[in-house]
């Protein structure tokens, strides 16, 4: 029911990430699922969508960056955060909504601030 309710909201995009044990225990999805064995693999699939143009590409890049930001490895280095910043920067270029564009720009800056704080340039 939640997937259908989210899908009916105009101008919104949402993802539901579930463990493989839960597959098939819900109502059929409204949209075809994107399956991945890890957060990094899911981010890579979103990066593929992000190679396009327009709002969908921008949202995919933003979401890939956010996933990697949230699930970063304990030893994430400057290059890791720079890759996140690059995704957010590309997302901002594709997003049409001013609020989303500003959030992507702000998150890119925060990731680059982390690069600087780590004291290394990739």
PDB file of N, CA and C in Angstrom:
ATOM      1  N   UNK A   1       0.814  -1.200   0.000  1.00  0.00           N
ATOM      2  CA  UNK A   1       0.000   0.000   0.000  1.00  0.00           C
ATOM      3  C   UNK A   1       0.863   1.271   0.000  1.00  0.00           C
ATOM      4  N   UNK A   2       1.983   1.266   0.753  1.00  0.00           N
ATOM      5  CA  UNK A   2       2.801   2.485   0.832  1.00  0.00           C
ATOM      6  C   UNK A   2       3.418   2.837  -0.507  1.00  0.00           C
ATOM      7  N   UNK A   3       3.875   1.842  -1.238  1.00  0.00           N
ATOM      8  CA  UNK A   3       4.469   2.117  -2.540  1.00  0.00           C
ATOM      9  C   UNK A   3       3.492   2.798  -3.473  1.00  0.00           C
ATOM     10  N   UNK A   4       2.247   2.325  -3.483  1.00  0.00           N
ATOM     11  CA  UNK A   4       1.220   2.927  -4.336  1.00  0.00           C
ATOM     12  C   UNK A   4       0.932   4.352  -3.887  1.00  0.00           C
ATOM     13  N   UNK A   5       0.828   4.573  -2.579  1.00  0.00           N
ATOM     14  CA  UNK A   5       0.540   5.911  -2.066  1.00  0.00           C
ATOM     15  C   UNK A   5       1.665   6.879  -2.396  1.00  0.00           C
ATOM     16  N   UNK A   6       2.909   6.437  -2.267  1.00  0.00           N
ATOM     17  CA  UNK A   6       4.049   7.294  -2.602  1.00  0.00           C
ATOM     18  C   UNK A   6       4.063   7.569  -4.100  1.00  0.00           C
ATOM     19  N   UNK A   7       3.843   6.540  -4.894  1.00  0.00           N
ATOM     20  CA  UNK A   7       3.885   6.681  -6.349  1.00  0.00           C
ATOM     21  C   UNK A   7       2.825   7.654  -6.866  1.00  0.00           C
ATOM     22  N   UNK A   8       1.734   7.814  -6.141  1.00  0.00           N
ATOM     23  CA  UNK A   8       0.659   8.703  -6.588  1.00  0.00           C
ATOM     24  C   UNK A   8       0.925  10.170  -6.260  1.00  0.00           C
ATOM     25  N   UNK A   9       1.951  10.471  -5.508  1.00  0.00           N
ATOM     26  CA  UNK A   9       2.241  11.854  -5.140  1.00  0.00           C
ATOM     27  C   UNK A   9       2.941  12.549  -6.306  1.00  0.00           C
ATOM     28  N   UNK A  10       2.370  13.636  -6.750  1.00  0.00           N
ATOM     29  CA  UNK A  10       2.928  14.366  -7.891  1.00  0.00           C
ATOM     30  C   UNK A  10       4.302  14.938  -7.566  1.00  0.00           C
ATOM     31  N   UNK A  11       5.234  14.762  -8.485  1.00  0.00           N
ATOM     32  CA  UNK A  11       6.550  15.369  -8.362  1.00  0.00           C
ATOM     33  C   UNK A  11       7.453  14.759  -7.297  1.00  0.00           C
ATOM     34  N   UNK A  12       7.130  13.586  -6.810  1.00  0.00           N
ATOM     35  CA  UNK A  12       7.914  12.972  -5.741  1.00  0.00           C
ATOM     36  C   UNK A  12       8.602  11.709  -6.244  1.00  0.00           C
ATOM     37  N   UNK A  13       9.728  11.400  -5.655  1.00  0.00           N
ATOM     38  CA  UNK A  13      10.441  10.162  -5.928  1.00  0.00           C
ATOM     39  C   UNK A  13      10.792   9.540  -4.594  1.00  0.00           C
ATOM     40  N   UNK A  14      10.592   8.249  -4.478  1.00  0.00           N
ATOM     41  CA  UNK A  14      10.925   7.570  -3.229  1.00  0.00           C
ATOM     42  C   UNK A  14      11.471   6.191  -3.541  1.00  0.00           C
ATOM     43  N   UNK A  15      12.298   5.716  -2.638  1.00  0.00           N
ATOM     44  CA  UNK A  15      12.845   4.374  -2.752  1.00  0.00           C
ATOM     45  C   UNK A  15      12.538   3.624  -1.476  1.00  0.00           C
ATOM     46  N   UNK A  16      12.328   2.352  -1.610  1.00  0.00           N
ATOM     47  CA  UNK A  16      12.157   1.480  -0.460  1.00  0.00           C
ATOM     48  C   UNK A  16      13.260   0.444  -0.547  1.00  0.00           C
ATOM     49  N   UNK A  17      14.108   0.411   0.454  1.00  0.00           N
ATOM     50  CA  UNK A  17      15.203  -0.553   0.461  1.00  0.00           C
ATOM     51  C   UNK A  17      14.843  -1.648   1.444  1.00  0.00           C
ATOM     52  N   UNK A  18      14.772  -2.870   0.948  1.00  0.00           N
ATOM     53  CA  UNK A  18      14.426  -3.991   1.813  1.00  0.00           C
ATOM     54  C   UNK A  18      15.490  -5.082   1.705  1.00  0.00           C
ATOM     55  N   UNK A  19      15.579  -5.865   2.730  1.00  0.00           N
ATOM     56  CA  UNK A  19      16.482  -7.003   2.775  1.00  0.00           C
ATOM     57  C   UNK A  19      15.915  -8.117   1.898  1.00  0.00           C
ATOM     58  N   UNK A  20      16.779  -8.958   1.372  1.00  0.00           N
ATOM     59  CA  UNK A  20      16.328 -10.029   0.484  1.00  0.00           C
ATOM     60  C   UNK A  20      15.336 -10.973   1.169  1.00  0.00           C
ATOM     61  N   UNK A  21      15.380 -11.069   2.475  1.00  0.00           N
ATOM     62  CA  UNK A  21      14.442 -11.943   3.197  1.00  0.00           C
ATOM     63  C   UNK A  21      13.007 -11.452   3.087  1.00  0.00           C
ATOM     64  N   UNK A  22      12.824 -10.169   2.823  1.00  0.00           N
ATOM     65  CA  UNK A  22      11.477  -9.595   2.745  1.00  0.00           C
ATOM     66  C   UNK A  22      10.910  -9.595   1.327  1.00  0.00           C
ATOM     67  N   UNK A  23      11.728  -9.933   0.334  1.00  0.00           N
ATOM     68  CA  UNK A  23      11.261  -9.941  -1.056  1.00  0.00           C
ATOM     69  C   UNK A  23      10.107 -10.934  -1.190  1.00  0.00           C
ATOM     70  N   UNK A  24       9.035 -10.472  -1.806  1.00  0.00           N
ATOM     71  CA  UNK A  24       7.880 -11.322  -2.039  1.00  0.00           C
ATOM     72  C   UNK A  24       6.878 -11.340  -0.888  1.00  0.00           C
ATOM     73  N   UNK A  25       7.173 -10.658   0.197  1.00  0.00           N
ATOM     74  CA  UNK A  25       6.271 -10.653   1.352  1.00  0.00           C
ATOM     75  C   UNK A  25       5.368  -9.424   1.378  1.00  0.00           C
ATOM     76  N   UNK A  26       5.476  -8.582   0.336  1.00  0.00           N
ATOM     77  CA  UNK A  26       4.650  -7.391   0.226  1.00  0.00           C
ATOM     78  C   UNK A  26       3.803  -7.502  -1.034  1.00  0.00           C
ATOM     79  N   UNK A  27       2.911  -6.553  -1.179  1.00  0.00           N
ATOM     80  CA  UNK A  27       2.141  -6.490  -2.418  1.00  0.00           C
ATOM     81  C   UNK A  27       3.117  -6.257  -3.570  1.00  0.00           C
ATOM     82  N   UNK A  28       2.757  -6.650  -4.779  1.00  0.00           N
ATOM     83  CA  UNK A  28       3.654  -6.422  -5.923  1.00  0.00           C
ATOM     84  C   UNK A  28       3.985  -4.939  -6.062  1.00  0.00           C
ATOM     85  N   UNK A  29       5.229  -4.616  -6.452  1.00  0.00           N
ATOM     86  CA  UNK A  29       5.617  -3.206  -6.576  1.00  0.00           C
ATOM     87  C   UNK A  29       4.909  -2.516  -7.740  1.00  0.00           C
ATOM     88  N   UNK A  30       4.748  -1.215  -7.601  1.00  0.00           N
ATOM     89  CA  UNK A  30       4.149  -0.405  -8.665  1.00  0.00           C
ATOM     90  C   UNK A  30       5.128  -0.281  -9.827  1.00  0.00           C
ATOM     91  N   UNK A  31       6.424  -0.147  -9.491  1.00  0.00           N
ATOM     92  CA  UNK A  31       7.478  -0.005 -10.483  1.00  0.00           C
ATOM     93  C   UNK A  31       8.414  -1.197 -10.382  1.00  0.00           C
ATOM     94  N   UNK A  32       9.094  -1.544 -11.476  1.00  0.00           N
ATOM     95  CA  UNK A  32      10.029  -2.667 -11.395  1.00  0.00           C
ATOM     96  C   UNK A  32      11.151  -2.382 -10.398  1.00  0.00           C
ATOM     97  N   UNK A  33      11.519  -3.377  -9.613  1.00  0.00           N
ATOM     98  CA  UNK A  33      12.561  -3.142  -8.602  1.00  0.00           C
ATOM     99  C   UNK A  33      13.954  -3.059  -9.213  1.00  0.00           C
ATOM    100  N   UNK A  34      14.815  -2.351  -8.525  1.00  0.00           N
ATOM    101  CA  UNK A  34      16.244  -2.345  -8.832  1.00  0.00           C
ATOM    102  C   UNK A  34      16.872  -3.198  -7.745  1.00  0.00           C
ATOM    103  N   UNK A  35      17.501  -4.277  -8.138  1.00  0.00           N
ATOM    104  CA  UNK A  35      18.076  -5.199  -7.157  1.00  0.00           C
ATOM    105  C   UNK A  35      19.579  -5.022  -7.098  1.00  0.00           C
ATOM    106  N   UNK A  36      20.100  -5.045  -5.879  1.00  0.00           N
ATOM    107  CA  UNK A  36      21.542  -4.915  -5.669  1.00  0.00           C
ATOM    108  C   UNK A  36      21.922  -5.726  -4.437  1.00  0.00           C
ATOM    109  N   UNK A  37      23.142  -6.186  -4.421  1.00  0.00           N
ATOM    110  CA  UNK A  37      23.628  -6.996  -3.300  1.00  0.00           C
ATOM    111  C   UNK A  37      24.300  -6.169  -2.213  1.00  0.00           C
ATOM    112  N   UNK A  38      24.448  -4.873  -2.452  1.00  0.00           N
ATOM    113  CA  UNK A  38      25.086  -4.016  -1.460  1.00  0.00           C
ATOM    114  C   UNK A  38      24.662  -2.568  -1.715  1.00  0.00           C
ATOM    115  N   UNK A  39      24.914  -1.720  -0.727  1.00  0.00           N
ATOM    116  CA  UNK A  39      24.634  -0.294  -0.892  1.00  0.00           C
ATOM    117  C   UNK A  39      25.475   0.269  -2.029  1.00  0.00           C
ATOM    118  N   UNK A  40      26.747  -0.122  -2.083  1.00  0.00           N
ATOM    119  CA  UNK A  40      27.612   0.374  -3.173  1.00  0.00           C
ATOM    120  C   UNK A  40      27.091  -0.041  -4.540  1.00  0.00           C
ATOM    121  N   UNK A  41      26.605  -1.275  -4.649  1.00  0.00           N
ATOM    122  CA  UNK A  41      26.064  -1.742  -5.926  1.00  0.00           C
ATOM    123  C   UNK A  41      24.790  -0.964  -6.280  1.00  0.00           C
ATOM    124  N   UNK A  42      23.962  -0.684  -5.294  1.00  0.00           N
ATOM    125  CA  UNK A  42      22.758   0.102  -5.534  1.00  0.00           C
ATOM    126  C   UNK A  42      23.134   1.521  -5.983  1.00  0.00           C
ATOM    127  N   UNK A  43      24.128   2.112  -5.337  1.00  0.00           N
ATOM    128  CA  UNK A  43      24.597   3.440  -5.738  1.00  0.00           C
ATOM    129  C   UNK A  43      25.118   3.411  -7.177  1.00  0.00           C
ATOM    130  N   UNK A  44      25.829   2.352  -7.539  1.00  0.00           N
ATOM    131  CA  UNK A  44      26.340   2.232  -8.911  1.00  0.00           C
ATOM    132  C   UNK A  44      25.197   2.162  -9.921  1.00  0.00           C
ATOM    133  N   UNK A  45      24.128   1.457  -9.567  1.00  0.00           N
ATOM    134  CA  UNK A  45      22.975   1.388 -10.471  1.00  0.00           C
ATOM    135  C   UNK A  45      22.294   2.751 -10.589  1.00  0.00           C
ATOM    136  N   UNK A  46      22.237   3.492  -9.488  1.00  0.00           N
ATOM    137  CA  UNK A  46      21.692   4.847  -9.550  1.00  0.00           C
ATOM    138  C   UNK A  46      22.606   5.759 -10.369  1.00  0.00           C
ATOM    139  N   UNK A  47      23.920   5.551 -10.257  1.00  0.00           N
ATOM    140  CA  UNK A  47      24.868   6.318 -11.075  1.00  0.00           C
ATOM    141  C   UNK A  47      24.599   6.105 -12.563  1.00  0.00           C
ATOM    142  N   UNK A  48      24.233   4.882 -12.949  1.00  0.00           N
ATOM    143  CA  UNK A  48      23.922   4.598 -14.356  1.00  0.00           C
ATOM    144  C   UNK A  48      22.722   5.426 -14.807  1.00  0.00           C
ATOM    145  N   UNK A  49      21.698   5.501 -13.967  1.00  0.00           N
ATOM    146  CA  UNK A  49      20.538   6.337 -14.285  1.00  0.00           C
ATOM    147  C   UNK A  49      20.975   7.801 -14.362  1.00  0.00           C
ATOM    148  N   UNK A  50      21.897   8.179 -13.492  1.00  0.00           N
ATOM    149  CA  UNK A  50      22.393   9.547 -13.435  1.00  0.00           C
ATOM    150  C   UNK A  50      23.202   9.973 -14.643  1.00  0.00           C
ATOM    151  N   UNK A  51      23.577   9.035 -15.493  1.00  0.00           N
ATOM    152  CA  UNK A  51      24.303   9.396 -16.716  1.00  0.00           C
ATOM    153  C   UNK A  51      23.394  10.051 -17.755  1.00  0.00           C
ATOM    154  N   UNK A  52      22.093   9.980 -17.507  1.00  0.00           N
ATOM    155  CA  UNK A  52      21.146  10.622 -18.410  1.00  0.00           C
ATOM    156  C   UNK A  52      21.091  12.115 -18.147  1.00  0.00           C
ATOM    157  N   UNK A  53      20.041  12.716 -18.568  1.00  0.00           N
ATOM    158  CA  UNK A  53      19.842  14.163 -18.388  1.00  0.00           C
ATOM    159  C   UNK A  53      18.501  14.397 -17.720  1.00  0.00           C
ATOM    160  N   UNK A  54      18.383  15.525 -17.053  1.00  0.00           N
ATOM    161  CA  UNK A  54      17.106  15.933 -16.500  1.00  0.00           C
ATOM    162  C   UNK A  54      16.903  15.553 -15.044  1.00  0.00           C
ATOM    163  N   UNK A  55      15.684  15.771 -14.604  1.00  0.00           N
ATOM    164  CA  UNK A  55      15.318  15.608 -13.201  1.00  0.00           C
ATOM    165  C   UNK A  55      15.584  14.194 -12.680  1.00  0.00           C
ATOM    166  N   UNK A  56      15.200  13.185 -13.449  1.00  0.00           N
ATOM    167  CA  UNK A  56      15.386  11.794 -13.007  1.00  0.00           C
ATOM    168  C   UNK A  56      16.872  11.503 -12.784  1.00  0.00           C
ATOM    169  N   UNK A  57      17.712  11.964 -13.683  1.00  0.00           N
ATOM    170  CA  UNK A  57      19.159  11.766 -13.539  1.00  0.00           C
ATOM    171  C   UNK A  57      19.672  12.485 -12.296  1.00  0.00           C
ATOM    172  N   UNK A  58      19.208  13.705 -12.088  1.00  0.00           N
ATOM    173  CA  UNK A  58      19.630  14.463 -10.915  1.00  0.00           C
ATOM    174  C   UNK A  58      19.222  13.795  -9.615  1.00  0.00           C
ATOM    175  N   UNK A  59      18.006  13.290  -9.572  1.00  0.00           N
ATOM    176  CA  UNK A  59      17.528  12.603  -8.368  1.00  0.00           C
ATOM    177  C   UNK A  59      18.337  11.332  -8.134  1.00  0.00           C
ATOM    178  N   UNK A  60      18.611  10.592  -9.191  1.00  0.00           N
ATOM    179  CA  UNK A  60      19.387   9.362  -9.049  1.00  0.00           C
ATOM    180  C   UNK A  60      20.794   9.655  -8.510  1.00  0.00           C
ATOM    181  N   UNK A  61      21.445  10.683  -9.034  1.00  0.00           N
ATOM    182  CA  UNK A  61      22.782  11.047  -8.558  1.00  0.00           C
ATOM    183  C   UNK A  61      22.748  11.522  -7.100  1.00  0.00           C
ATOM    184  N   UNK A  62      21.743  12.321  -6.770  1.00  0.00           N
ATOM    185  CA  UNK A  62      21.599  12.792  -5.392  1.00  0.00           C
ATOM    186  C   UNK A  62      21.436  11.593  -4.460  1.00  0.00           C
ATOM    187  N   UNK A  63      20.568  10.660  -4.849  1.00  0.00           N
ATOM    188  CA  UNK A  63      20.315   9.506  -3.994  1.00  0.00           C
ATOM    189  C   UNK A  63      21.529   8.584  -3.882  1.00  0.00           C
ATOM    190  N   UNK A  64      22.278   8.432  -4.967  1.00  0.00           N
ATOM    191  CA  UNK A  64      23.507   7.629  -4.906  1.00  0.00           C
ATOM    192  C   UNK A  64      24.488   8.263  -3.927  1.00  0.00           C
ATOM    193  N   UNK A  65      24.651   9.580  -4.020  1.00  0.00           N
ATOM    194  CA  UNK A  65      25.556  10.286  -3.107  1.00  0.00           C
ATOM    195  C   UNK A  65      25.093  10.135  -1.670  1.00  0.00           C
ATOM    196  N   UNK A  66      23.791  10.275  -1.443  1.00  0.00           N
ATOM    197  CA  UNK A  66      23.255  10.195  -0.079  1.00  0.00           C
ATOM    198  C   UNK A  66      23.441   8.799   0.498  1.00  0.00           C
ATOM    199  N   UNK A  67      23.190   7.768  -0.302  1.00  0.00           N
ATOM    200  CA  UNK A  67      23.407   6.393   0.167  1.00  0.00           C
ATOM    201  C   UNK A  67      24.863   6.181   0.582  1.00  0.00           C
ATOM    202  N   UNK A  68      25.785   6.633  -0.263  1.00  0.00           N
ATOM    203  CA  UNK A  68      27.204   6.449   0.039  1.00  0.00           C
ATOM    204  C   UNK A  68      27.638   7.287   1.231  1.00  0.00           C
ATOM    205  N   UNK A  69      27.005   8.433   1.389  1.00  0.00           N
ATOM    206  CA  UNK A  69      27.311   9.295   2.530  1.00  0.00           C
ATOM    207  C   UNK A  69      26.858   8.633   3.837  1.00  0.00           C
ATOM    208  N   UNK A  70      25.670   8.081   3.827  1.00  0.00           N
ATOM    209  CA  UNK A  70      25.116   7.443   5.020  1.00  0.00           C
ATOM    210  C   UNK A  70      25.856   6.153   5.360  1.00  0.00           C
ATOM    211  N   UNK A  71      26.167   5.365   4.350  1.00  0.00           N
ATOM    212  CA  UNK A  71      26.769   4.046   4.566  1.00  0.00           C
ATOM    213  C   UNK A  71      28.271   4.050   4.309  1.00  0.00           C
ATOM    214  N   UNK A  72      28.926   5.150   4.618  1.00  0.00           N
ATOM    215  CA  UNK A  72      30.364   5.254   4.341  1.00  0.00           C
ATOM    216  C   UNK A  72      31.158   4.273   5.203  1.00  0.00           C
ATOM    217  N   UNK A  73      32.253   3.780   4.659  1.00  0.00           N
ATOM    218  CA  UNK A  73      33.117   2.900   5.454  1.00  0.00           C
ATOM    219  C   UNK A  73      33.819   3.682   6.555  1.00  0.00           C
ATOM    220  N   UNK A  74      34.207   3.004   7.597  1.00  0.00           N
ATOM    221  CA  UNK A  74      34.881   3.667   8.718  1.00  0.00           C
ATOM    222  C   UNK A  74      36.167   4.359   8.291  1.00  0.00           C
ATOM    223  N   UNK A  75      36.827   3.809   7.294  1.00  0.00           N
ATOM    224  CA  UNK A  75      38.098   4.373   6.833  1.00  0.00           C
ATOM    225  C   UNK A  75      37.944   5.231   5.578  1.00  0.00           C
ATOM    226  N   UNK A  76      36.768   5.836   5.397  1.00  0.00           N
ATOM    227  CA  UNK A  76      36.539   6.668   4.203  1.00  0.00           C
ATOM    228  C   UNK A  76      37.585   7.776   4.146  1.00  0.00           C
ATOM    229  N   UNK A  77      38.203   7.912   2.983  1.00  0.00           N
ATOM    230  CA  UNK A  77      39.269   8.901   2.819  1.00  0.00           C
ATOM    231  C   UNK A  77      38.777  10.093   2.000  1.00  0.00           C
ATOM    232  N   UNK A  78      39.696  11.002   1.721  1.00  0.00           N
ATOM    233  CA  UNK A  78      39.355  12.218   0.985  1.00  0.00           C
ATOM    234  C   UNK A  78      38.778  11.899  -0.392  1.00  0.00           C
ATOM    235  N   UNK A  79      39.319  10.912  -1.072  1.00  0.00           N
ATOM    236  CA  UNK A  79      38.824  10.558  -2.405  1.00  0.00           C
ATOM    237  C   UNK A  79      37.370  10.078  -2.339  1.00  0.00           C
ATOM    238  N   UNK A  80      37.040   9.358  -1.289  1.00  0.00           N
ATOM    239  CA  UNK A  80      35.672   8.872  -1.113  1.00  0.00           C
ATOM    240  C   UNK A  80      34.713  10.062  -1.004  1.00  0.00           C
ATOM    241  N   UNK A  81      35.052  11.035  -0.160  1.00  0.00           N
ATOM    242  CA  UNK A  81      34.185  12.199   0.021  1.00  0.00           C
ATOM    243  C   UNK A  81      34.163  13.090  -1.214  1.00  0.00           C
ATOM    244  N   UNK A  82      35.271  13.148  -1.956  1.00  0.00           N
ATOM    245  CA  UNK A  82      35.280  13.916  -3.194  1.00  0.00           C
ATOM    246  C   UNK A  82      34.339  13.276  -4.212  1.00  0.00           C
ATOM    247  N   UNK A  83      34.271  11.942  -4.254  1.00  0.00           N
ATOM    248  CA  UNK A  83      33.353  11.272  -5.189  1.00  0.00           C
ATOM    249  C   UNK A  83      31.898  11.573  -4.820  1.00  0.00           C
ATOM    250  N   UNK A  84      31.625  11.697  -3.531  1.00  0.00           N
ATOM    251  CA  UNK A  84      30.281  12.079  -3.084  1.00  0.00           C
ATOM    252  C   UNK A  84      29.985  13.511  -3.521  1.00  0.00           C
ATOM    253  N   UNK A  85      30.950  14.403  -3.320  1.00  0.00           N
ATOM    254  CA  UNK A  85      30.780  15.799  -3.718  1.00  0.00           C
ATOM    255  C   UNK A  85      30.519  15.916  -5.216  1.00  0.00           C
ATOM    256  N   UNK A  86      31.230  15.136  -6.021  1.00  0.00           N
ATOM    257  CA  UNK A  86      31.043  15.179  -7.470  1.00  0.00           C
ATOM    258  C   UNK A  86      29.629  14.747  -7.851  1.00  0.00           C
ATOM    259  N   UNK A  87      29.111  13.713  -7.186  1.00  0.00           N
ATOM    260  CA  UNK A  87      27.740  13.277  -7.473  1.00  0.00           C
ATOM    261  C   UNK A  87      26.743  14.387  -7.140  1.00  0.00           C
ATOM    262  N   UNK A  88      26.902  14.999  -5.966  1.00  0.00           N
ATOM    263  CA  UNK A  88      25.996  16.084  -5.590  1.00  0.00           C
ATOM    264  C   UNK A  88      26.091  17.255  -6.568  1.00  0.00           C
ATOM    265  N   UNK A  89      27.294  17.586  -7.007  1.00  0.00           N
ATOM    266  CA  UNK A  89      27.481  18.693  -7.950  1.00  0.00           C
ATOM    267  C   UNK A  89      26.789  18.387  -9.271  1.00  0.00           C
ATOM    268  N   UNK A  90      26.956  17.169  -9.775  1.00  0.00           N
ATOM    269  CA  UNK A  90      26.287  16.776 -11.017  1.00  0.00           C
ATOM    270  C   UNK A  90      24.770  16.759 -10.827  1.00  0.00           C
ATOM    271  N   UNK A  91      24.325  16.311  -9.654  1.00  0.00           N
ATOM    272  CA  UNK A  91      22.891  16.294  -9.365  1.00  0.00           C
ATOM    273  C   UNK A  91      22.330  17.708  -9.421  1.00  0.00           C
ATOM    274  N   UNK A  92      23.027  18.642  -8.791  1.00  0.00           N
ATOM    275  CA  UNK A  92      22.562  20.035  -8.764  1.00  0.00           C
ATOM    276  C   UNK A  92      22.403  20.592 -10.178  1.00  0.00           C
ATOM    277  N   UNK A  93      23.284  20.192 -11.086  1.00  0.00           N
ATOM    278  CA  UNK A  93      23.218  20.677 -12.464  1.00  0.00           C
ATOM    279  C   UNK A  93      21.982  20.150 -13.199  1.00  0.00           C
ATOM    280  N   UNK A  94      21.483  18.990 -12.790  1.00  0.00           N
ATOM    281  CA  UNK A  94      20.341  18.376 -13.479  1.00  0.00           C
ATOM    282  C   UNK A  94      19.001  18.663 -12.814  1.00  0.00           C
ATOM    283  N   UNK A  95      19.019  18.961 -11.527  1.00  0.00           N
ATOM    284  CA  UNK A  95      17.767  19.179 -10.807  1.00  0.00           C
ATOM    285  C   UNK A  95      17.134  20.505 -11.197  1.00  0.00           C
ATOM    286  N   UNK A  96      15.823  20.500 -11.388  1.00  0.00           N
ATOM    287  CA  UNK A  96      15.120  21.718 -11.757  1.00  0.00           C
ATOM    288  C   UNK A  96      14.577  22.477 -10.561  1.00  0.00           C
ATOM    289  N   UNK A  97      14.195  21.751  -9.528  1.00  0.00           N
ATOM    290  CA  UNK A  97      13.617  22.367  -8.336  1.00  0.00           C
ATOM    291  C   UNK A  97      14.690  23.121  -7.557  1.00  0.00           C
ATOM    292  N   UNK A  98      14.444  24.404  -7.274  1.00  0.00           N
ATOM    293  CA  UNK A  98      15.443  25.249  -6.614  1.00  0.00           C
ATOM    294  C   UNK A  98      15.824  24.724  -5.232  1.00  0.00           C
ATOM    295  N   UNK A  99      14.874  24.198  -4.493  1.00  0.00           N
ATOM    296  CA  UNK A  99      15.160  23.676  -3.150  1.00  0.00           C
ATOM    297  C   UNK A  99      16.055  22.447  -3.225  1.00  0.00           C
ATOM    298  N   UNK A 100      15.730  21.531  -4.142  1.00  0.00           N
ATOM    299  CA  UNK A 100      16.547  20.325  -4.310  1.00  0.00           C
ATOM    300  C   UNK A 100      17.945  20.692  -4.806  1.00  0.00           C
ATOM    301  N   UNK A 101      18.000  21.633  -5.743  1.00  0.00           N
ATOM    302  CA  UNK A 101      19.283  22.080  -6.291  1.00  0.00           C
ATOM    303  C   UNK A 101      20.158  22.667  -5.177  1.00  0.00           C
ATOM    304  N   UNK A 102      19.560  23.477  -4.298  1.00  0.00           N
ATOM    305  CA  UNK A 102      20.296  24.097  -3.194  1.00  0.00           C
ATOM    306  C   UNK A 102      20.785  23.027  -2.205  1.00  0.00           C
ATOM    307  N   UNK A 103      19.934  22.041  -1.926  1.00  0.00           N
ATOM    308  CA  UNK A 103      20.363  20.980  -1.011  1.00  0.00           C
ATOM    309  C   UNK A 103      21.534  20.196  -1.593  1.00  0.00           C
ATOM    310  N   UNK A 104      21.484  19.893  -2.881  1.00  0.00           N
ATOM    311  CA  UNK A 104      22.592  19.186  -3.526  1.00  0.00           C
ATOM    312  C   UNK A 104      23.867  20.020  -3.472  1.00  0.00           C
ATOM    313  N   UNK A 105      23.755  21.310  -3.727  1.00  0.00           N
ATOM    314  CA  UNK A 105      24.912  22.203  -3.679  1.00  0.00           C
ATOM    315  C   UNK A 105      25.482  22.279  -2.266  1.00  0.00           C
ATOM    316  N   UNK A 106      24.607  22.390  -1.281  1.00  0.00           N
ATOM    317  CA  UNK A 106      25.056  22.444   0.121  1.00  0.00           C
ATOM    318  C   UNK A 106      25.741  21.146   0.538  1.00  0.00           C
ATOM    319  N   UNK A 107      25.197  20.029   0.112  1.00  0.00           N
ATOM    320  CA  UNK A 107      25.797  18.736   0.468  1.00  0.00           C
ATOM    321  C   UNK A 107      27.140  18.540  -0.242  1.00  0.00           C
ATOM    322  N   UNK A 108      27.261  19.044  -1.476  1.00  0.00           N
ATOM    323  CA  UNK A 108      28.546  18.979  -2.176  1.00  0.00           C
ATOM    324  C   UNK A 108      29.595  19.777  -1.419  1.00  0.00           C
ATOM    325  N   UNK A 109      29.215  20.962  -0.951  1.00  0.00           N
ATOM    326  CA  UNK A 109      30.141  21.792  -0.179  1.00  0.00           C
ATOM    327  C   UNK A 109      30.548  21.093   1.122  1.00  0.00           C
ATOM    328  N   UNK A 110      29.583  20.482   1.801  1.00  0.00           N
ATOM    329  CA  UNK A 110      29.892  19.780   3.052  1.00  0.00           C
ATOM    330  C   UNK A 110      30.856  18.618   2.806  1.00  0.00           C
ATOM    331  N   UNK A 111      30.659  17.903   1.712  1.00  0.00           N
ATOM    332  CA  UNK A 111      31.562  16.792   1.388  1.00  0.00           C
ATOM    333  C   UNK A 111      32.961  17.317   1.080  1.00  0.00           C
ATOM    334  N   UNK A 112      33.041  18.445   0.366  1.00  0.00           N
ATOM    335  CA  UNK A 112      34.358  19.027   0.064  1.00  0.00           C
ATOM    336  C   UNK A 112      35.001  19.607   1.327  1.00  0.00           C
ATOM    337  N   UNK A 113      34.201  20.098   2.248  1.00  0.00           N
ATOM    338  CA  UNK A 113      34.737  20.539   3.543  1.00  0.00           C
ATOM    339  C   UNK A 113      35.351  19.359   4.285  1.00  0.00           C
ATOM    340  N   UNK A 114      34.738  18.193   4.150  1.00  0.00           N
ATOM    341  CA  UNK A 114      35.291  16.980   4.774  1.00  0.00           C
ATOM    342  C   UNK A 114      36.622  16.615   4.125  1.00  0.00           C
ATOM    343  N   UNK A 115      36.705  16.753   2.804  1.00  0.00           N
ATOM    344  CA  UNK A 115      37.958  16.505   2.098  1.00  0.00           C
ATOM    345  C   UNK A 115      39.055  17.405   2.681  1.00  0.00           C
ATOM    346  N   UNK A 116      38.743  18.674   2.831  1.00  0.00           N
ATOM    347  CA  UNK A 116      39.695  19.632   3.369  1.00  0.00           C
ATOM    348  C   UNK A 116      40.067  19.276   4.812  1.00  0.00           C
ATOM    349  N   UNK A 117      39.059  18.902   5.596  1.00  0.00           N
ATOM    350  CA  UNK A 117      39.316  18.554   7.009  1.00  0.00           C
ATOM    351  C   UNK A 117      40.206  17.328   7.128  1.00  0.00           C
ATOM    352  N   UNK A 118      40.115  16.429   6.182  1.00  0.00           N
ATOM    353  CA  UNK A 118      40.974  15.247   6.198  1.00  0.00           C
ATOM    354  C   UNK A 118      42.409  15.603   5.826  1.00  0.00           C
ATOM    355  N   UNK A 119      42.585  16.831   5.309  1.00  0.00           N
ATOM    356  CA  UNK A 119      43.923  17.338   5.027  1.00  0.00           C
ATOM    357  C   UNK A 119      44.592  16.786   3.786  1.00  0.00           C
ATOM    358  N   UNK A 120      43.798  16.172   2.910  1.00  0.00           N
ATOM    359  CA  UNK A 120      44.356  15.597   1.689  1.00  0.00           C
ATOM    360  C   UNK A 120      43.473  15.944   0.518  1.00  0.00           C
ATOM    361  N   UNK A 121      44.094  16.161  -0.589  1.00  0.00           N
ATOM    362  CA  UNK A 121      43.350  16.317  -1.839  1.00  0.00           C
ATOM    363  C   UNK A 121      43.465  14.993  -2.586  1.00  0.00           C
ATOM    364  N   UNK A 122      42.366  14.529  -3.152  1.00  0.00           N
ATOM    365  CA  UNK A 122      42.429  13.244  -3.877  1.00  0.00           C
ATOM    366  C   UNK A 122      43.269  13.339  -5.136  1.00  0.00           C
TER     367      UNK A 122
END
